């Protein structure tokens, strides 16, 4: 089950990365406005951050001998304010 959940999260990440590329391509082709691209791109980037954070949480729980399914998606305000 845990591997299926990680696979599902990674599949979502792949789809978001594809959407990110598509947005940039559509902007370059002038199919969408800069405002439209920026608005959707911000949402995509936030969701990507949440997905990566969720995978890291799951890995940490697993490494600590705990149930990785206890990990939860954190709010935008949390994942967007991490210091790198």
PDB file of N, CA and C in Angstrom:
ATOM      1  N   UNK A   1       0.822  -1.198   0.000  1.00  0.00           N
ATOM      2  CA  UNK A   1       0.000   0.000   0.000  1.00  0.00           C
ATOM      3  C   UNK A   1       0.867   1.265   0.000  1.00  0.00           C
ATOM      4  N   UNK A   2       1.917   1.296   0.820  1.00  0.00           N
ATOM      5  CA  UNK A   2       2.766   2.483   0.903  1.00  0.00           C
ATOM      6  C   UNK A   2       3.416   2.778  -0.439  1.00  0.00           C
ATOM      7  N   UNK A   3       3.896   1.743  -1.114  1.00  0.00           N
ATOM      8  CA  UNK A   3       4.513   1.951  -2.418  1.00  0.00           C
ATOM      9  C   UNK A   3       3.501   2.474  -3.425  1.00  0.00           C
ATOM     10  N   UNK A   4       2.268   1.999  -3.351  1.00  0.00           N
ATOM     11  CA  UNK A   4       1.221   2.491  -4.247  1.00  0.00           C
ATOM     12  C   UNK A   4       0.950   3.969  -3.995  1.00  0.00           C
ATOM     13  N   UNK A   5       0.946   4.371  -2.737  1.00  0.00           N
ATOM     14  CA  UNK A   5       0.720   5.780  -2.413  1.00  0.00           C
ATOM     15  C   UNK A   5       1.862   6.641  -2.933  1.00  0.00           C
ATOM     16  N   UNK A   6       3.109   6.180  -2.754  1.00  0.00           N
ATOM     17  CA  UNK A   6       4.249   6.923  -3.279  1.00  0.00           C
ATOM     18  C   UNK A   6       4.192   7.002  -4.799  1.00  0.00           C
ATOM     19  N   UNK A   7       3.810   5.913  -5.436  1.00  0.00           N
ATOM     20  CA  UNK A   7       3.685   5.894  -6.891  1.00  0.00           C
ATOM     21  C   UNK A   7       2.629   6.895  -7.336  1.00  0.00           C
ATOM     22  N   UNK A   8       1.528   6.940  -6.626  1.00  0.00           N
ATOM     23  CA  UNK A   8       0.459   7.886  -6.943  1.00  0.00           C
ATOM     24  C   UNK A   8       0.944   9.328  -6.817  1.00  0.00           C
ATOM     25  N   UNK A   9       1.687   9.615  -5.777  1.00  0.00           N
ATOM     26  CA  UNK A   9       2.217  10.967  -5.568  1.00  0.00           C
ATOM     27  C   UNK A   9       3.207  11.305  -6.679  1.00  0.00           C
ATOM     28  N   UNK A  10       4.073  10.365  -7.025  1.00  0.00           N
ATOM     29  CA  UNK A  10       5.054  10.600  -8.091  1.00  0.00           C
ATOM     30  C   UNK A  10       4.372  10.777  -9.451  1.00  0.00           C
ATOM     31  N   UNK A  11       3.295  10.063  -9.672  1.00  0.00           N
ATOM     32  CA  UNK A  11       2.527  10.241 -10.910  1.00  0.00           C
ATOM     33  C   UNK A  11       1.945  11.644 -10.962  1.00  0.00           C
ATOM     34  N   UNK A  12       1.435  12.114  -9.845  1.00  0.00           N
ATOM     35  CA  UNK A  12       0.894  13.478  -9.775  1.00  0.00           C
ATOM     36  C   UNK A  12       1.995  14.502 -10.050  1.00  0.00           C
ATOM     37  N   UNK A  13       3.170  14.280  -9.492  1.00  0.00           N
ATOM     38  CA  UNK A  13       4.307  15.173  -9.725  1.00  0.00           C
ATOM     39  C   UNK A  13       4.632  15.224 -11.214  1.00  0.00           C
ATOM     40  N   UNK A  14       4.670  14.074 -11.862  1.00  0.00           N
ATOM     41  CA  UNK A  14       4.965  14.023 -13.304  1.00  0.00           C
ATOM     42  C   UNK A  14       3.934  14.807 -14.103  1.00  0.00           C
ATOM     43  N   UNK A  15       2.675  14.663 -13.740  1.00  0.00           N
ATOM     44  CA  UNK A  15       1.618  15.400 -14.440  1.00  0.00           C
ATOM     45  C   UNK A  15       1.755  16.905 -14.237  1.00  0.00           C
ATOM     46  N   UNK A  16       2.104  17.305 -13.029  1.00  0.00           N
ATOM     47  CA  UNK A  16       2.273  18.727 -12.747  1.00  0.00           C
ATOM     48  C   UNK A  16       3.468  19.310 -13.497  1.00  0.00           C
ATOM     49  N   UNK A  17       4.558  18.562 -13.566  1.00  0.00           N
ATOM     50  CA  UNK A  17       5.732  19.016 -14.308  1.00  0.00           C
ATOM     51  C   UNK A  17       5.376  19.167 -15.783  1.00  0.00           C
ATOM     52  N   UNK A  18       4.607  18.226 -16.317  1.00  0.00           N
ATOM     53  CA  UNK A  18       4.163  18.323 -17.712  1.00  0.00           C
ATOM     54  C   UNK A  18       3.287  19.551 -17.918  1.00  0.00           C
ATOM     55  N   UNK A  19       2.400  19.809 -16.964  1.00  0.00           N
ATOM     56  CA  UNK A  19       1.539  20.977 -17.074  1.00  0.00           C
ATOM     57  C   UNK A  19       2.368  22.261 -17.021  1.00  0.00           C
ATOM     58  N   UNK A  20       3.379  22.269 -16.168  1.00  0.00           N
ATOM     59  CA  UNK A  20       4.260  23.427 -16.054  1.00  0.00           C
ATOM     60  C   UNK A  20       4.935  23.715 -17.409  1.00  0.00           C
ATOM     61  N   UNK A  21       5.456  22.678 -18.033  1.00  0.00           N
ATOM     62  CA  UNK A  21       6.078  22.836 -19.356  1.00  0.00           C
ATOM     63  C   UNK A  21       5.063  23.307 -20.389  1.00  0.00           C
ATOM     64  N   UNK A  22       3.877  22.722 -20.350  1.00  0.00           N
ATOM     65  CA  UNK A  22       2.822  23.089 -21.293  1.00  0.00           C
ATOM     66  C   UNK A  22       2.437  24.563 -21.152  1.00  0.00           C
ATOM     67  N   UNK A  23       2.336  25.026 -19.908  1.00  0.00           N
ATOM     68  CA  UNK A  23       2.015  26.434 -19.673  1.00  0.00           C
ATOM     69  C   UNK A  23       3.058  27.345 -20.302  1.00  0.00           C
ATOM     70  N   UNK A  24       4.319  27.004 -20.112  1.00  0.00           N
ATOM     71  CA  UNK A  24       5.389  27.831 -20.676  1.00  0.00           C
ATOM     72  C   UNK A  24       5.361  27.796 -22.206  1.00  0.00           C
ATOM     73  N   UNK A  25       5.098  26.625 -22.759  1.00  0.00           N
ATOM     74  CA  UNK A  25       4.993  26.501 -24.219  1.00  0.00           C
ATOM     75  C   UNK A  25       3.816  27.310 -24.755  1.00  0.00           C
ATOM     76  N   UNK A  26       2.683  27.230 -24.064  1.00  0.00           N
ATOM     77  CA  UNK A  26       1.491  27.968 -24.497  1.00  0.00           C
ATOM     78  C   UNK A  26       1.707  29.477 -24.405  1.00  0.00           C
ATOM     79  N   UNK A  27       2.442  29.904 -23.378  1.00  0.00           N
ATOM     80  CA  UNK A  27       2.760  31.323 -23.262  1.00  0.00           C
ATOM     81  C   UNK A  27       3.666  31.749 -24.418  1.00  0.00           C
ATOM     82  N   UNK A  28       4.682  30.955 -24.705  1.00  0.00           N
ATOM     83  CA  UNK A  28       5.603  31.269 -25.799  1.00  0.00           C
ATOM     84  C   UNK A  28       4.866  31.328 -27.139  1.00  0.00           C
ATOM     85  N   UNK A  29       3.856  30.483 -27.296  1.00  0.00           N
ATOM     86  CA  UNK A  29       3.065  30.466 -28.526  1.00  0.00           C
ATOM     87  C   UNK A  29       1.949  31.510 -28.502  1.00  0.00           C
ATOM     88  N   UNK A  30       1.884  32.282 -27.423  1.00  0.00           N
ATOM     89  CA  UNK A  30       0.873  33.333 -27.244  1.00  0.00           C
ATOM     90  C   UNK A  30      -0.554  32.800 -27.247  1.00  0.00           C
ATOM     91  N   UNK A  31      -0.696  31.584 -26.741  1.00  0.00           N
ATOM     92  CA  UNK A  31      -2.030  30.984 -26.612  1.00  0.00           C
ATOM     93  C   UNK A  31      -2.704  31.400 -25.318  1.00  0.00           C
ATOM     94  N   UNK A  32      -1.901  31.843 -24.344  1.00  0.00           N
ATOM     95  CA  UNK A  32      -2.417  32.324 -23.068  1.00  0.00           C
ATOM     96  C   UNK A  32      -1.678  33.611 -22.711  1.00  0.00           C
ATOM     97  N   UNK A  33      -2.263  34.374 -21.813  1.00  0.00           N
ATOM     98  CA  UNK A  33      -1.628  35.623 -21.385  1.00  0.00           C
ATOM     99  C   UNK A  33      -0.609  35.348 -20.281  1.00  0.00           C
ATOM    100  N   UNK A  34       0.246  36.314 -20.070  1.00  0.00           N
ATOM    101  CA  UNK A  34       1.228  36.219 -18.991  1.00  0.00           C
ATOM    102  C   UNK A  34       0.514  36.074 -17.651  1.00  0.00           C
ATOM    103  N   UNK A  35      -0.567  36.833 -17.458  1.00  0.00           N
ATOM    104  CA  UNK A  35      -1.318  36.747 -16.197  1.00  0.00           C
ATOM    105  C   UNK A  35      -1.897  35.351 -15.988  1.00  0.00           C
ATOM    106  N   UNK A  36      -2.463  34.772 -17.047  1.00  0.00           N
ATOM    107  CA  UNK A  36      -3.019  33.413 -16.947  1.00  0.00           C
ATOM    108  C   UNK A  36      -1.918  32.402 -16.620  1.00  0.00           C
ATOM    109  N   UNK A  37      -0.789  32.562 -17.306  1.00  0.00           N
ATOM    110  CA  UNK A  37       0.329  31.631 -17.086  1.00  0.00           C
ATOM    111  C   UNK A  37       0.833  31.744 -15.660  1.00  0.00           C
ATOM    112  N   UNK A  38       1.013  32.959 -15.179  1.00  0.00           N
ATOM    113  CA  UNK A  38       1.537  33.150 -13.824  1.00  0.00           C
ATOM    114  C   UNK A  38       0.577  32.626 -12.764  1.00  0.00           C
ATOM    115  N   UNK A  39      -0.694  32.876 -12.945  1.00  0.00           N
ATOM    116  CA  UNK A  39      -1.679  32.417 -11.959  1.00  0.00           C
ATOM    117  C   UNK A  39      -1.686  30.896 -11.859  1.00  0.00           C
ATOM    118  N   UNK A  40      -1.751  30.228 -12.999  1.00  0.00           N
ATOM    119  CA  UNK A  40      -1.793  28.766 -12.968  1.00  0.00           C
ATOM    120  C   UNK A  40      -0.437  28.198 -12.559  1.00  0.00           C
ATOM    121  N   UNK A  41       0.643  28.827 -13.014  1.00  0.00           N
ATOM    122  CA  UNK A  41       1.976  28.350 -12.676  1.00  0.00           C
ATOM    123  C   UNK A  41       2.209  28.395 -11.171  1.00  0.00           C
ATOM    124  N   UNK A  42       1.732  29.440 -10.526  1.00  0.00           N
ATOM    125  CA  UNK A  42       1.883  29.524  -9.062  1.00  0.00           C
ATOM    126  C   UNK A  42       1.153  28.365  -8.385  1.00  0.00           C
ATOM    127  N   UNK A  43      -0.048  28.067  -8.854  1.00  0.00           N
ATOM    128  CA  UNK A  43      -0.812  26.955  -8.278  1.00  0.00           C
ATOM    129  C   UNK A  43      -0.102  25.622  -8.509  1.00  0.00           C
ATOM    130  N   UNK A  44       0.435  25.443  -9.699  1.00  0.00           N
ATOM    131  CA  UNK A  44       1.151  24.204 -10.025  1.00  0.00           C
ATOM    132  C   UNK A  44       2.396  24.078  -9.151  1.00  0.00           C
ATOM    133  N   UNK A  45       3.154  25.147  -9.031  1.00  0.00           N
ATOM    134  CA  UNK A  45       4.371  25.110  -8.225  1.00  0.00           C
ATOM    135  C   UNK A  45       4.070  24.824  -6.756  1.00  0.00           C
ATOM    136  N   UNK A  46       2.991  25.401  -6.251  1.00  0.00           N
ATOM    137  CA  UNK A  46       2.599  25.141  -4.863  1.00  0.00           C
ATOM    138  C   UNK A  46       2.228  23.669  -4.684  1.00  0.00           C
ATOM    139  N   UNK A  47       1.457  23.137  -5.610  1.00  0.00           N
ATOM    140  CA  UNK A  47       1.071  21.732  -5.500  1.00  0.00           C
ATOM    141  C   UNK A  47       2.287  20.817  -5.625  1.00  0.00           C
ATOM    142  N   UNK A  48       3.235  21.175  -6.480  1.00  0.00           N
ATOM    143  CA  UNK A  48       4.475  20.405  -6.580  1.00  0.00           C
ATOM    144  C   UNK A  48       5.215  20.414  -5.243  1.00  0.00           C
ATOM    145  N   UNK A  49       5.328  21.583  -4.634  1.00  0.00           N
ATOM    146  CA  UNK A  49       5.989  21.670  -3.327  1.00  0.00           C
ATOM    147  C   UNK A  49       5.288  20.799  -2.300  1.00  0.00           C
ATOM    148  N   UNK A  50       3.960  20.801  -2.329  1.00  0.00           N
ATOM    149  CA  UNK A  50       3.200  19.975  -1.391  1.00  0.00           C
ATOM    150  C   UNK A  50       3.438  18.487  -1.644  1.00  0.00           C
ATOM    151  N   UNK A  51       3.501  18.092  -2.892  1.00  0.00           N
ATOM    152  CA  UNK A  51       3.745  16.680  -3.221  1.00  0.00           C
ATOM    153  C   UNK A  51       5.128  16.238  -2.755  1.00  0.00           C
ATOM    154  N   UNK A  52       6.146  17.058  -3.061  1.00  0.00           N
ATOM    155  CA  UNK A  52       7.507  16.708  -2.639  1.00  0.00           C
ATOM    156  C   UNK A  52       7.595  16.667  -1.112  1.00  0.00           C
ATOM    157  N   UNK A  53       6.956  17.602  -0.446  1.00  0.00           N
ATOM    158  CA  UNK A  53       6.951  17.616   1.014  1.00  0.00           C
ATOM    159  C   UNK A  53       6.289  16.350   1.557  1.00  0.00           C
ATOM    160  N   UNK A  54       5.193  15.950   0.947  1.00  0.00           N
ATOM    161  CA  UNK A  54       4.495  14.742   1.387  1.00  0.00           C
ATOM    162  C   UNK A  54       5.383  13.513   1.233  1.00  0.00           C
ATOM    163  N   UNK A  55       6.094  13.411   0.119  1.00  0.00           N
ATOM    164  CA  UNK A  55       7.021  12.280  -0.062  1.00  0.00           C
ATOM    165  C   UNK A  55       8.118  12.295   0.997  1.00  0.00           C
ATOM    166  N   UNK A  56       8.660  13.478   1.290  1.00  0.00           N
ATOM    167  CA  UNK A  56       9.702  13.570   2.324  1.00  0.00           C
ATOM    168  C   UNK A  56       9.161  13.166   3.692  1.00  0.00           C
ATOM    169  N   UNK A  57       7.946  13.597   4.008  1.00  0.00           N
ATOM    170  CA  UNK A  57       7.324  13.202   5.277  1.00  0.00           C
ATOM    171  C   UNK A  57       7.182  11.687   5.356  1.00  0.00           C
ATOM    172  N   UNK A  58       6.693  11.102   4.260  1.00  0.00           N
ATOM    173  CA  UNK A  58       6.481   9.648   4.228  1.00  0.00           C
ATOM    174  C   UNK A  58       7.809   8.907   4.409  1.00  0.00           C
ATOM    175  N   UNK A  59       8.849   9.374   3.740  1.00  0.00           N
ATOM    176  CA  UNK A  59      10.172   8.750   3.875  1.00  0.00           C
ATOM    177  C   UNK A  59      10.687   8.851   5.303  1.00  0.00           C
ATOM    178  N   UNK A  60      10.505  10.020   5.915  1.00  0.00           N
ATOM    179  CA  UNK A  60      10.973  10.225   7.287  1.00  0.00           C
ATOM    180  C   UNK A  60      10.222   9.325   8.264  1.00  0.00           C
ATOM    181  N   UNK A  61       8.925   9.215   8.090  1.00  0.00           N
ATOM    182  CA  UNK A  61       8.139   8.343   8.970  1.00  0.00           C
ATOM    183  C   UNK A  61       8.569   6.886   8.806  1.00  0.00           C
ATOM    184  N   UNK A  62       8.748   6.473   7.566  1.00  0.00           N
ATOM    185  CA  UNK A  62       9.174   5.094   7.291  1.00  0.00           C
ATOM    186  C   UNK A  62      10.539   4.836   7.925  1.00  0.00           C
ATOM    187  N   UNK A  63      11.474   5.777   7.774  1.00  0.00           N
ATOM    188  CA  UNK A  63      12.823   5.627   8.333  1.00  0.00           C
ATOM    189  C   UNK A  63      12.800   5.559   9.858  1.00  0.00           C
ATOM    190  N   UNK A  64      11.803   6.203  10.449  1.00  0.00           N
ATOM    191  CA  UNK A  64      11.666   6.201  11.914  1.00  0.00           C
ATOM    192  C   UNK A  64      10.854   5.003  12.415  1.00  0.00           C
ATOM    193  N   UNK A  65      10.491   4.096  11.495  1.00  0.00           N
ATOM    194  CA  UNK A  65       9.727   2.915  11.879  1.00  0.00           C
ATOM    195  C   UNK A  65       8.261   3.199  12.119  1.00  0.00           C
ATOM    196  N   UNK A  66       7.780   4.329  11.619  1.00  0.00           N
ATOM    197  CA  UNK A  66       6.378   4.697  11.806  1.00  0.00           C
ATOM    198  C   UNK A  66       5.604   4.492  10.508  1.00  0.00           C
ATOM    199  N   UNK A  67       4.314   4.654  10.602  1.00  0.00           N
ATOM    200  CA  UNK A  67       3.415   4.454   9.466  1.00  0.00           C
ATOM    201  C   UNK A  67       3.475   5.649   8.524  1.00  0.00           C
ATOM    202  N   UNK A  68       3.955   5.457   7.283  1.00  0.00           N
ATOM    203  CA  UNK A  68       4.044   6.582   6.346  1.00  0.00           C
ATOM    204  C   UNK A  68       2.688   7.165   5.963  1.00  0.00           C
ATOM    205  N   UNK A  69       1.631   6.407   6.158  1.00  0.00           N
ATOM    206  CA  UNK A  69       0.310   6.933   5.812  1.00  0.00           C
ATOM    207  C   UNK A  69      -0.158   8.004   6.806  1.00  0.00           C
ATOM    208  N   UNK A  70       0.598   8.199   7.878  1.00  0.00           N
ATOM    209  CA  UNK A  70       0.280   9.258   8.831  1.00  0.00           C
ATOM    210  C   UNK A  70       0.681  10.633   8.289  1.00  0.00           C
ATOM    211  N   UNK A  71       1.457  10.655   7.216  1.00  0.00           N
ATOM    212  CA  UNK A  71       1.849  11.928   6.600  1.00  0.00           C
ATOM    213  C   UNK A  71       0.615  12.584   5.992  1.00  0.00           C
ATOM    214  N   UNK A  72       0.642  13.904   5.965  1.00  0.00           N
ATOM    215  CA  UNK A  72      -0.495  14.658   5.425  1.00  0.00           C
ATOM    216  C   UNK A  72       0.019  15.836   4.602  1.00  0.00           C
ATOM    217  N   UNK A  73      -0.791  16.225   3.636  1.00  0.00           N
ATOM    218  CA  UNK A  73      -0.465  17.396   2.827  1.00  0.00           C
ATOM    219  C   UNK A  73      -0.519  18.620   3.732  1.00  0.00           C
ATOM    220  N   UNK A  74       0.563  19.383   3.713  1.00  0.00           N
ATOM    221  CA  UNK A  74       0.606  20.599   4.538  1.00  0.00           C
ATOM    222  C   UNK A  74       0.086  21.780   3.728  1.00  0.00           C
ATOM    223  N   UNK A  75      -0.465  22.773   4.415  1.00  0.00           N
ATOM    224  CA  UNK A  75      -1.026  23.940   3.726  1.00  0.00           C
ATOM    225  C   UNK A  75       0.043  24.705   2.942  1.00  0.00           C
ATOM    226  N   UNK A  76      -0.433  25.446   1.965  1.00  0.00           N
ATOM    227  CA  UNK A  76       0.441  26.261   1.115  1.00  0.00           C
ATOM    228  C   UNK A  76       1.356  27.155   1.943  1.00  0.00           C
ATOM    229  N   UNK A  77       0.816  27.785   2.963  1.00  0.00           N
ATOM    230  CA  UNK A  77       1.594  28.688   3.783  1.00  0.00           C
ATOM    231  C   UNK A  77       2.762  28.025   4.468  1.00  0.00           C
ATOM    232  N   UNK A  78       2.677  26.736   4.702  1.00  0.00           N
ATOM    233  CA  UNK A  78       3.768  25.993   5.339  1.00  0.00           C
ATOM    234  C   UNK A  78       4.825  25.652   4.302  1.00  0.00           C
ATOM    235  N   UNK A  79       4.430  24.989   3.228  1.00  0.00           N
ATOM    236  CA  UNK A  79       5.433  24.519   2.250  1.00  0.00           C
ATOM    237  C   UNK A  79       6.049  25.656   1.452  1.00  0.00           C
ATOM    238  N   UNK A  80       5.366  26.760   1.312  1.00  0.00           N
ATOM    239  CA  UNK A  80       5.912  27.881   0.544  1.00  0.00           C
ATOM    240  C   UNK A  80       6.856  28.744   1.388  1.00  0.00           C
ATOM    241  N   UNK A  81       6.895  28.517   2.682  1.00  0.00           N
ATOM    242  CA  UNK A  81       7.752  29.335   3.543  1.00  0.00           C
ATOM    243  C   UNK A  81       8.950  28.571   4.104  1.00  0.00           C
ATOM    244  N   UNK A  82       9.227  27.389   3.549  1.00  0.00           N
ATOM    245  CA  UNK A  82      10.419  26.651   3.969  1.00  0.00           C
ATOM    246  C   UNK A  82      11.650  27.408   3.517  1.00  0.00           C
ATOM    247  N   UNK A  83      12.664  27.350   4.309  1.00  0.00           N
ATOM    248  CA  UNK A  83      13.954  27.924   3.919  1.00  0.00           C
ATOM    249  C   UNK A  83      14.778  26.810   3.299  1.00  0.00           C
ATOM    250  N   UNK A  84      15.432  27.119   2.222  1.00  0.00           N
ATOM    251  CA  UNK A  84      16.228  26.085   1.555  1.00  0.00           C
ATOM    252  C   UNK A  84      17.653  26.114   2.029  1.00  0.00           C
TER     253      UNK A  84
END
